[in-house]
Amino acid sequence: QRRSRFKWGSASKRILYDSYANNTNPSKEERDMLVDACNHAECVQRGLLPNHESALGSSLVTEVRVYNWFANRRKEDTFKI
């Protein structure tokens, strides 16, 4: 059985796009900070306690997902030229 596809929440996308405007290739530490910010924002948006990220389940933002999001944006930008 296939796992369900991850879908970015609007709160997370806003954070990521804002960050991308300042830095298209964040360091691991910056990505970790973005993970925390995204998970916090998603909890708030869904009415969960901010430190209960485990309740997000498959919607939990991870460092790898943030890394891939930035890589995909950079890839898209190269084709826009």
PDB file of N, CA and C in Angstrom:
ATOM      1  N   GLN A   1       0.839  -1.182   0.000  1.00  0.00           N
ATOM      2  CA  GLN A   1       0.000   0.000   0.000  1.00  0.00           C
ATOM      3  C   GLN A   1       0.887   1.250   0.000  1.00  0.00           C
ATOM      4  N   ARG A   2       0.525   2.199  -0.831  1.00  0.00           N
ATOM      5  CA  ARG A   2       1.307   3.426  -0.938  1.00  0.00           C
ATOM      6  C   ARG A   2       1.016   4.345   0.237  1.00  0.00           C
ATOM      7  N   ARG A   3       2.033   5.096   0.617  1.00  0.00           N
ATOM      8  CA  ARG A   3       1.790   6.078   1.670  1.00  0.00           C
ATOM      9  C   ARG A   3       1.126   7.293   1.052  1.00  0.00           C
ATOM     10  N   SER A   4       0.420   8.030   1.869  1.00  0.00           N
ATOM     11  CA  SER A   4      -0.291   9.189   1.341  1.00  0.00           C
ATOM     12  C   SER A   4       0.696  10.308   1.009  1.00  0.00           C
ATOM     13  N   ARG A   5       0.345  11.064   0.012  1.00  0.00           N
ATOM     14  CA  ARG A   5       1.201  12.140  -0.468  1.00  0.00           C
ATOM     15  C   ARG A   5       1.183  13.287   0.535  1.00  0.00           C
ATOM     16  N   PHE A   6       2.352  13.852   0.787  1.00  0.00           N
ATOM     17  CA  PHE A   6       2.453  14.986   1.703  1.00  0.00           C
ATOM     18  C   PHE A   6       1.963  16.244   1.008  1.00  0.00           C
ATOM     19  N   LYS A   7       1.157  17.015   1.704  1.00  0.00           N
ATOM     20  CA  LYS A   7       0.648  18.269   1.151  1.00  0.00           C
ATOM     21  C   LYS A   7       1.011  19.395   2.108  1.00  0.00           C
ATOM     22  N   TRP A   8       1.659  20.419   1.575  1.00  0.00           N
ATOM     23  CA  TRP A   8       2.055  21.554   2.403  1.00  0.00           C
ATOM     24  C   TRP A   8       0.836  22.358   2.816  1.00  0.00           C
ATOM     25  N   GLY A   9       0.788  22.735   4.076  1.00  0.00           N
ATOM     26  CA  GLY A   9      -0.274  23.606   4.563  1.00  0.00           C
ATOM     27  C   GLY A   9       0.002  25.045   4.160  1.00  0.00           C
ATOM     28  N   SER A  10      -1.033  25.842   4.133  1.00  0.00           N
ATOM     29  CA  SER A  10      -0.871  27.235   3.698  1.00  0.00           C
ATOM     30  C   SER A  10       0.037  28.022   4.641  1.00  0.00           C
ATOM     31  N   ALA A  11      -0.040  27.741   5.926  1.00  0.00           N
ATOM     32  CA  ALA A  11       0.810  28.451   6.889  1.00  0.00           C
ATOM     33  C   ALA A  11       2.282  28.125   6.642  1.00  0.00           C
ATOM     34  N   SER A  12       2.569  26.869   6.374  1.00  0.00           N
ATOM     35  CA  SER A  12       3.950  26.455   6.108  1.00  0.00           C
ATOM     36  C   SER A  12       4.455  27.055   4.803  1.00  0.00           C
ATOM     37  N   LYS A  13       3.620  27.038   3.788  1.00  0.00           N
ATOM     38  CA  LYS A  13       4.041  27.587   2.494  1.00  0.00           C
ATOM     39  C   LYS A  13       4.387  29.063   2.610  1.00  0.00           C
ATOM     40  N   ARG A  14       3.610  29.788   3.385  1.00  0.00           N
ATOM     41  CA  ARG A  14       3.880  31.214   3.577  1.00  0.00           C
ATOM     42  C   ARG A  14       5.263  31.404   4.210  1.00  0.00           C
ATOM     43  N   ILE A  15       5.556  30.614   5.225  1.00  0.00           N
ATOM     44  CA  ILE A  15       6.855  30.691   5.909  1.00  0.00           C
ATOM     45  C   ILE A  15       7.981  30.344   4.943  1.00  0.00           C
ATOM     46  N   LEU A  16       7.795  29.289   4.170  1.00  0.00           N
ATOM     47  CA  LEU A  16       8.847  28.846   3.254  1.00  0.00           C
ATOM     48  C   LEU A  16       9.092  29.857   2.134  1.00  0.00           C
ATOM     49  N   TYR A  17       8.029  30.384   1.548  1.00  0.00           N
ATOM     50  CA  TYR A  17       8.210  31.371   0.476  1.00  0.00           C
ATOM     51  C   TYR A  17       8.872  32.644   0.999  1.00  0.00           C
ATOM     52  N   ASP A  18       8.486  33.067   2.206  1.00  0.00           N
ATOM     53  CA  ASP A  18       9.133  34.248   2.800  1.00  0.00           C
ATOM     54  C   ASP A  18      10.621  33.994   3.006  1.00  0.00           C
ATOM     55  N   SER A  19      10.948  32.819   3.483  1.00  0.00           N
ATOM     56  CA  SER A  19      12.345  32.475   3.710  1.00  0.00           C
ATOM     57  C   SER A  19      13.098  32.364   2.388  1.00  0.00           C
ATOM     58  N   TYR A  20      12.448  31.788   1.387  1.00  0.00           N
ATOM     59  CA  TYR A  20      13.079  31.611   0.071  1.00  0.00           C
ATOM     60  C   TYR A  20      13.426  32.959  -0.563  1.00  0.00           C
ATOM     61  N   ALA A  21      12.610  33.957  -0.296  1.00  0.00           N
ATOM     62  CA  ALA A  21      12.871  35.291  -0.844  1.00  0.00           C
ATOM     63  C   ALA A  21      14.181  35.861  -0.300  1.00  0.00           C
ATOM     64  N   ASN A  22      14.542  35.464   0.912  1.00  0.00           N
ATOM     65  CA  ASN A  22      15.781  35.951   1.534  1.00  0.00           C
ATOM     66  C   ASN A  22      16.980  35.054   1.267  1.00  0.00           C
ATOM     67  N   ASN A  23      16.732  33.754   1.161  1.00  0.00           N
ATOM     68  CA  ASN A  23      17.833  32.802   1.025  1.00  0.00           C
ATOM     69  C   ASN A  23      17.315  31.560   0.308  1.00  0.00           C
ATOM     70  N   THR A  24      17.846  31.298  -0.881  1.00  0.00           N
ATOM     71  CA  THR A  24      17.356  30.157  -1.660  1.00  0.00           C
ATOM     72  C   THR A  24      18.006  28.837  -1.269  1.00  0.00           C
ATOM     73  N   ASN A  25      19.029  28.897  -0.423  1.00  0.00           N
ATOM     74  CA  ASN A  25      19.726  27.664  -0.040  1.00  0.00           C
ATOM     75  C   ASN A  25      20.105  27.713   1.445  1.00  0.00           C
ATOM     76  N   PRO A  26      19.127  27.488   2.320  1.00  0.00           N
ATOM     77  CA  PRO A  26      19.398  27.600   3.755  1.00  0.00           C
ATOM     78  C   PRO A  26      20.277  26.457   4.274  1.00  0.00           C
ATOM     79  N   SER A  27      21.001  26.751   5.331  1.00  0.00           N
ATOM     80  CA  SER A  27      21.840  25.737   5.979  1.00  0.00           C
ATOM     81  C   SER A  27      20.959  24.748   6.741  1.00  0.00           C
ATOM     82  N   LYS A  28      21.564  23.684   7.210  1.00  0.00           N
ATOM     83  CA  LYS A  28      20.828  22.676   7.990  1.00  0.00           C
ATOM     84  C   LYS A  28      20.190  23.327   9.217  1.00  0.00           C
ATOM     85  N   GLU A  29      20.932  24.200   9.882  1.00  0.00           N
ATOM     86  CA  GLU A  29      20.400  24.870  11.072  1.00  0.00           C
ATOM     87  C   GLU A  29      19.200  25.749  10.714  1.00  0.00           C
ATOM     88  N   GLU A  30      19.304  26.450   9.595  1.00  0.00           N
ATOM     89  CA  GLU A  30      18.184  27.294   9.160  1.00  0.00           C
ATOM     90  C   GLU A  30      16.979  26.434   8.781  1.00  0.00           C
ATOM     91  N   ARG A  31      17.233  25.301   8.142  1.00  0.00           N
ATOM     92  CA  ARG A  31      16.126  24.400   7.797  1.00  0.00           C
ATOM     93  C   ARG A  31      15.468  23.851   9.054  1.00  0.00           C
ATOM     94  N   ASP A  32      16.270  23.530  10.057  1.00  0.00           N
ATOM     95  CA  ASP A  32      15.704  23.048  11.323  1.00  0.00           C
ATOM     96  C   ASP A  32      14.816  24.116  11.966  1.00  0.00           C
ATOM     97  N   MET A  33      15.245  25.364  11.878  1.00  0.00           N
ATOM     98  CA  MET A  33      14.425  26.457  12.419  1.00  0.00           C
ATOM     99  C   MET A  33      13.129  26.597  11.616  1.00  0.00           C
ATOM    100  N   LEU A  34      13.215  26.409  10.307  1.00  0.00           N
ATOM    101  CA  LEU A  34      12.014  26.466   9.474  1.00  0.00           C
ATOM    102  C   LEU A  34      11.057  25.320   9.800  1.00  0.00           C
ATOM    103  N   VAL A  35      11.599  24.147  10.077  1.00  0.00           N
ATOM    104  CA  VAL A  35      10.774  22.998  10.474  1.00  0.00           C
ATOM    105  C   VAL A  35       9.975  23.354  11.726  1.00  0.00           C
ATOM    106  N   ASP A  36      10.664  23.902  12.718  1.00  0.00           N
ATOM    107  CA  ASP A  36       9.983  24.281  13.962  1.00  0.00           C
ATOM    108  C   ASP A  36       8.909  25.334  13.699  1.00  0.00           C
ATOM    109  N   ALA A  37       9.250  26.326  12.881  1.00  0.00           N
ATOM    110  CA  ALA A  37       8.295  27.395  12.580  1.00  0.00           C
ATOM    111  C   ALA A  37       7.081  26.850  11.826  1.00  0.00           C
ATOM    112  N   CYS A  38       7.325  25.981  10.863  1.00  0.00           N
ATOM    113  CA  CYS A  38       6.219  25.410  10.079  1.00  0.00           C
ATOM    114  C   CYS A  38       5.318  24.535  10.945  1.00  0.00           C
ATOM    115  N   ASN A  39       5.921  23.680  11.748  1.00  0.00           N
ATOM    116  CA  ASN A  39       5.111  22.806  12.602  1.00  0.00           C
ATOM    117  C   ASN A  39       4.313  23.621  13.617  1.00  0.00           C
ATOM    118  N   HIS A  40       4.929  24.658  14.152  1.00  0.00           N
ATOM    119  CA  HIS A  40       4.219  25.534  15.091  1.00  0.00           C
ATOM    120  C   HIS A  40       3.033  26.199  14.382  1.00  0.00           C
ATOM    121  N   ALA A  41       3.281  26.738  13.193  1.00  0.00           N
ATOM    122  CA  ALA A  41       2.224  27.424  12.444  1.00  0.00           C
ATOM    123  C   ALA A  41       1.090  26.468  12.073  1.00  0.00           C
ATOM    124  N   GLU A  42       1.443  25.249  11.696  1.00  0.00           N
ATOM    125  CA  GLU A  42       0.407  24.272  11.342  1.00  0.00           C
ATOM    126  C   GLU A  42      -0.422  23.891  12.565  1.00  0.00           C
ATOM    127  N   CYS A  43       0.232  23.761  13.711  1.00  0.00           N
ATOM    128  CA  CYS A  43      -0.506  23.463  14.948  1.00  0.00           C
ATOM    129  C   CYS A  43      -1.487  24.588  15.266  1.00  0.00           C
ATOM    130  N   VAL A  44      -1.007  25.818  15.186  1.00  0.00           N
ATOM    131  CA  VAL A  44      -1.860  26.970  15.483  1.00  0.00           C
ATOM    132  C   VAL A  44      -3.032  27.020  14.506  1.00  0.00           C
ATOM    133  N   GLN A  45      -2.741  26.810  13.225  1.00  0.00           N
ATOM    134  CA  GLN A  45      -3.789  26.881  12.212  1.00  0.00           C
ATOM    135  C   GLN A  45      -4.861  25.806  12.429  1.00  0.00           C
ATOM    136  N   ARG A  46      -4.445  24.660  12.934  1.00  0.00           N
ATOM    137  CA  ARG A  46      -5.387  23.551  13.146  1.00  0.00           C
ATOM    138  C   ARG A  46      -5.988  23.542  14.544  1.00  0.00           C
ATOM    139  N   GLY A  47      -5.626  24.521  15.345  1.00  0.00           N
ATOM    140  CA  GLY A  47      -6.183  24.608  16.687  1.00  0.00           C
ATOM    141  C   GLY A  47      -5.573  23.624  17.671  1.00  0.00           C
ATOM    142  N   LEU A  48      -4.354  23.184  17.384  1.00  0.00           N
ATOM    143  CA  LEU A  48      -3.655  22.271  18.289  1.00  0.00           C
ATOM    144  C   LEU A  48      -2.713  23.072  19.178  1.00  0.00           C
ATOM    145  N   LEU A  49      -2.335  22.491  20.288  1.00  0.00           N
ATOM    146  CA  LEU A  49      -1.337  23.147  21.119  1.00  0.00           C
ATOM    147  C   LEU A  49      -0.024  23.198  20.348  1.00  0.00           C
ATOM    148  N   PRO A  50       0.663  24.338  20.368  1.00  0.00           N
ATOM    149  CA  PRO A  50       1.866  24.517  19.544  1.00  0.00           C
ATOM    150  C   PRO A  50       2.976  23.494  19.757  1.00  0.00           C
ATOM    151  N   ASN A  51       3.064  22.902  20.922  1.00  0.00           N
ATOM    152  CA  ASN A  51       4.146  21.941  21.154  1.00  0.00           C
ATOM    153  C   ASN A  51       3.677  20.492  21.018  1.00  0.00           C
ATOM    154  N   HIS A  52       2.572  20.284  20.331  1.00  0.00           N
ATOM    155  CA  HIS A  52       2.052  18.930  20.109  1.00  0.00           C
ATOM    156  C   HIS A  52       2.132  18.564  18.630  1.00  0.00           C
ATOM    157  N   GLU A  53       3.345  18.664  18.073  1.00  0.00           N
ATOM    158  CA  GLU A  53       3.530  18.375  16.651  1.00  0.00           C
ATOM    159  C   GLU A  53       3.151  16.946  16.293  1.00  0.00           C
ATOM    160  N   SER A  54       3.269  16.050  17.250  1.00  0.00           N
ATOM    161  CA  SER A  54       2.950  14.648  16.959  1.00  0.00           C
ATOM    162  C   SER A  54       1.496  14.491  16.516  1.00  0.00           C
ATOM    163  N   ALA A  55       0.652  15.428  16.911  1.00  0.00           N
ATOM    164  CA  ALA A  55      -0.753  15.373  16.512  1.00  0.00           C
ATOM    165  C   ALA A  55      -0.937  15.690  15.029  1.00  0.00           C
ATOM    166  N   LEU A  56       0.095  16.221  14.390  1.00  0.00           N
ATOM    167  CA  LEU A  56      -0.002  16.518  12.958  1.00  0.00           C
ATOM    168  C   LEU A  56       0.055  15.248  12.114  1.00  0.00           C
ATOM    169  N   GLY A  57       0.565  14.184  12.682  1.00  0.00           N
ATOM    170  CA  GLY A  57       0.622  12.909  11.969  1.00  0.00           C
ATOM    171  C   GLY A  57       1.433  12.992  10.698  1.00  0.00           C
ATOM    172  N   SER A  58       0.841  12.582   9.585  1.00  0.00           N
ATOM    173  CA  SER A  58       1.566  12.574   8.308  1.00  0.00           C
ATOM    174  C   SER A  58       1.788  13.976   7.759  1.00  0.00           C
ATOM    175  N   SER A  59       1.188  14.979   8.382  1.00  0.00           N
ATOM    176  CA  SER A  59       1.390  16.365   7.950  1.00  0.00           C
ATOM    177  C   SER A  59       2.569  17.020   8.657  1.00  0.00           C
ATOM    178  N   LEU A  60       3.291  16.242   9.438  1.00  0.00           N
ATOM    179  CA  LEU A  60       4.442  16.774  10.163  1.00  0.00           C
ATOM    180  C   LEU A  60       5.525  17.203   9.178  1.00  0.00           C
ATOM    181  N   VAL A  61       5.998  18.420   9.332  1.00  0.00           N
ATOM    182  CA  VAL A  61       7.064  18.940   8.475  1.00  0.00           C
ATOM    183  C   VAL A  61       8.398  18.436   9.021  1.00  0.00           C
ATOM    184  N   THR A  62       9.241  17.929   8.127  1.00  0.00           N
ATOM    185  CA  THR A  62      10.559  17.428   8.519  1.00  0.00           C
ATOM    186  C   THR A  62      11.637  18.220   7.790  1.00  0.00           C
ATOM    187  N   GLU A  63      12.866  18.064   8.249  1.00  0.00           N
ATOM    188  CA  GLU A  63      13.985  18.765   7.619  1.00  0.00           C
ATOM    189  C   GLU A  63      14.160  18.308   6.174  1.00  0.00           C
ATOM    190  N   VAL A  64      13.948  17.037   5.911  1.00  0.00           N
ATOM    191  CA  VAL A  64      14.079  16.512   4.550  1.00  0.00           C
ATOM    192  C   VAL A  64      13.019  17.127   3.638  1.00  0.00           C
ATOM    193  N   ARG A  65      11.819  17.274   4.151  1.00  0.00           N
ATOM    194  CA  ARG A  65      10.759  17.894   3.339  1.00  0.00           C
ATOM    195  C   ARG A  65      11.085  19.346   3.033  1.00  0.00           C
ATOM    196  N   VAL A  66      11.624  20.053   4.011  1.00  0.00           N
ATOM    197  CA  VAL A  66      12.022  21.446   3.785  1.00  0.00           C
ATOM    198  C   VAL A  66      13.168  21.497   2.767  1.00  0.00           C
ATOM    199  N   TYR A  67      14.137  20.613   2.926  1.00  0.00           N
ATOM    200  CA  TYR A  67      15.267  20.546   1.988  1.00  0.00           C
ATOM    201  C   TYR A  67      14.755  20.337   0.563  1.00  0.00           C
ATOM    202  N   ASN A  68      13.859  19.386   0.398  1.00  0.00           N
ATOM    203  CA  ASN A  68      13.321  19.088  -0.934  1.00  0.00           C
ATOM    204  C   ASN A  68      12.481  20.239  -1.472  1.00  0.00           C
ATOM    205  N   TRP A  69      11.748  20.912  -0.605  1.00  0.00           N
ATOM    206  CA  TRP A  69      10.949  22.054  -1.049  1.00  0.00           C
ATOM    207  C   TRP A  69      11.859  23.125  -1.647  1.00  0.00           C
ATOM    208  N   PHE A  70      12.955  23.434  -0.942  1.00  0.00           N
ATOM    209  CA  PHE A  70      13.890  24.439  -1.448  1.00  0.00           C
ATOM    210  C   PHE A  70      14.550  23.968  -2.742  1.00  0.00           C
ATOM    211  N   ALA A  71      14.921  22.704  -2.801  1.00  0.00           N
ATOM    212  CA  ALA A  71      15.538  22.170  -4.023  1.00  0.00           C
ATOM    213  C   ALA A  71      14.573  22.273  -5.197  1.00  0.00           C
ATOM    214  N   ASN A  72      13.317  21.969  -4.961  1.00  0.00           N
ATOM    215  CA  ASN A  72      12.316  22.060  -6.030  1.00  0.00           C
ATOM    216  C   ASN A  72      12.095  23.502  -6.474  1.00  0.00           C
ATOM    217  N   ARG A  73      12.087  24.444  -5.525  1.00  0.00           N
ATOM    218  CA  ARG A  73      11.926  25.855  -5.905  1.00  0.00           C
ATOM    219  C   ARG A  73      13.114  26.317  -6.747  1.00  0.00           C
ATOM    220  N   ARG A  74      14.324  25.937  -6.337  1.00  0.00           N
ATOM    221  CA  ARG A  74      15.508  26.329  -7.122  1.00  0.00           C
ATOM    222  C   ARG A  74      15.434  25.733  -8.524  1.00  0.00           C
ATOM    223  N   LYS A  75      14.988  24.504  -8.601  1.00  0.00           N
ATOM    224  CA  LYS A  75      14.865  23.844  -9.902  1.00  0.00           C
ATOM    225  C   LYS A  75      13.834  24.564 -10.773  1.00  0.00           C
ATOM    226  N   GLU A  76      12.709  24.930 -10.179  1.00  0.00           N
ATOM    227  CA  GLU A  76      11.686  25.672 -10.922  1.00  0.00           C
ATOM    228  C   GLU A  76      12.228  27.009 -11.405  1.00  0.00           C
ATOM    229  N   ASP A  77      13.007  27.667 -10.554  1.00  0.00           N
ATOM    230  CA  ASP A  77      13.552  28.976 -10.921  1.00  0.00           C
ATOM    231  C   ASP A  77      14.502  28.887 -12.113  1.00  0.00           C
ATOM    232  N   THR A  78      15.230  27.792 -12.233  1.00  0.00           N
ATOM    233  CA  THR A  78      16.157  27.671 -13.360  1.00  0.00           C
ATOM    234  C   THR A  78      15.405  27.562 -14.684  1.00  0.00           C
ATOM    235  N   PHE A  79      14.194  27.038 -14.648  1.00  0.00           N
ATOM    236  CA  PHE A  79      13.413  26.905 -15.881  1.00  0.00           C
ATOM    237  C   PHE A  79      12.620  28.158 -16.211  1.00  0.00           C
ATOM    238  N   LYS A  80      12.537  29.097 -15.287  1.00  0.00           N
ATOM    239  CA  LYS A  80      11.791  30.337 -15.525  1.00  0.00           C
ATOM    240  C   LYS A  80      12.581  31.330 -16.365  1.00  0.00           C
ATOM    241  N   ILE A  81      13.872  31.126 -16.450  1.00  0.00           N
ATOM    242  CA  ILE A  81      14.737  32.091 -17.151  1.00  0.00           C
ATOM    243  C   ILE A  81      14.511  32.071 -18.642  1.00  0.00           C
TER     244      ILE A  81
END
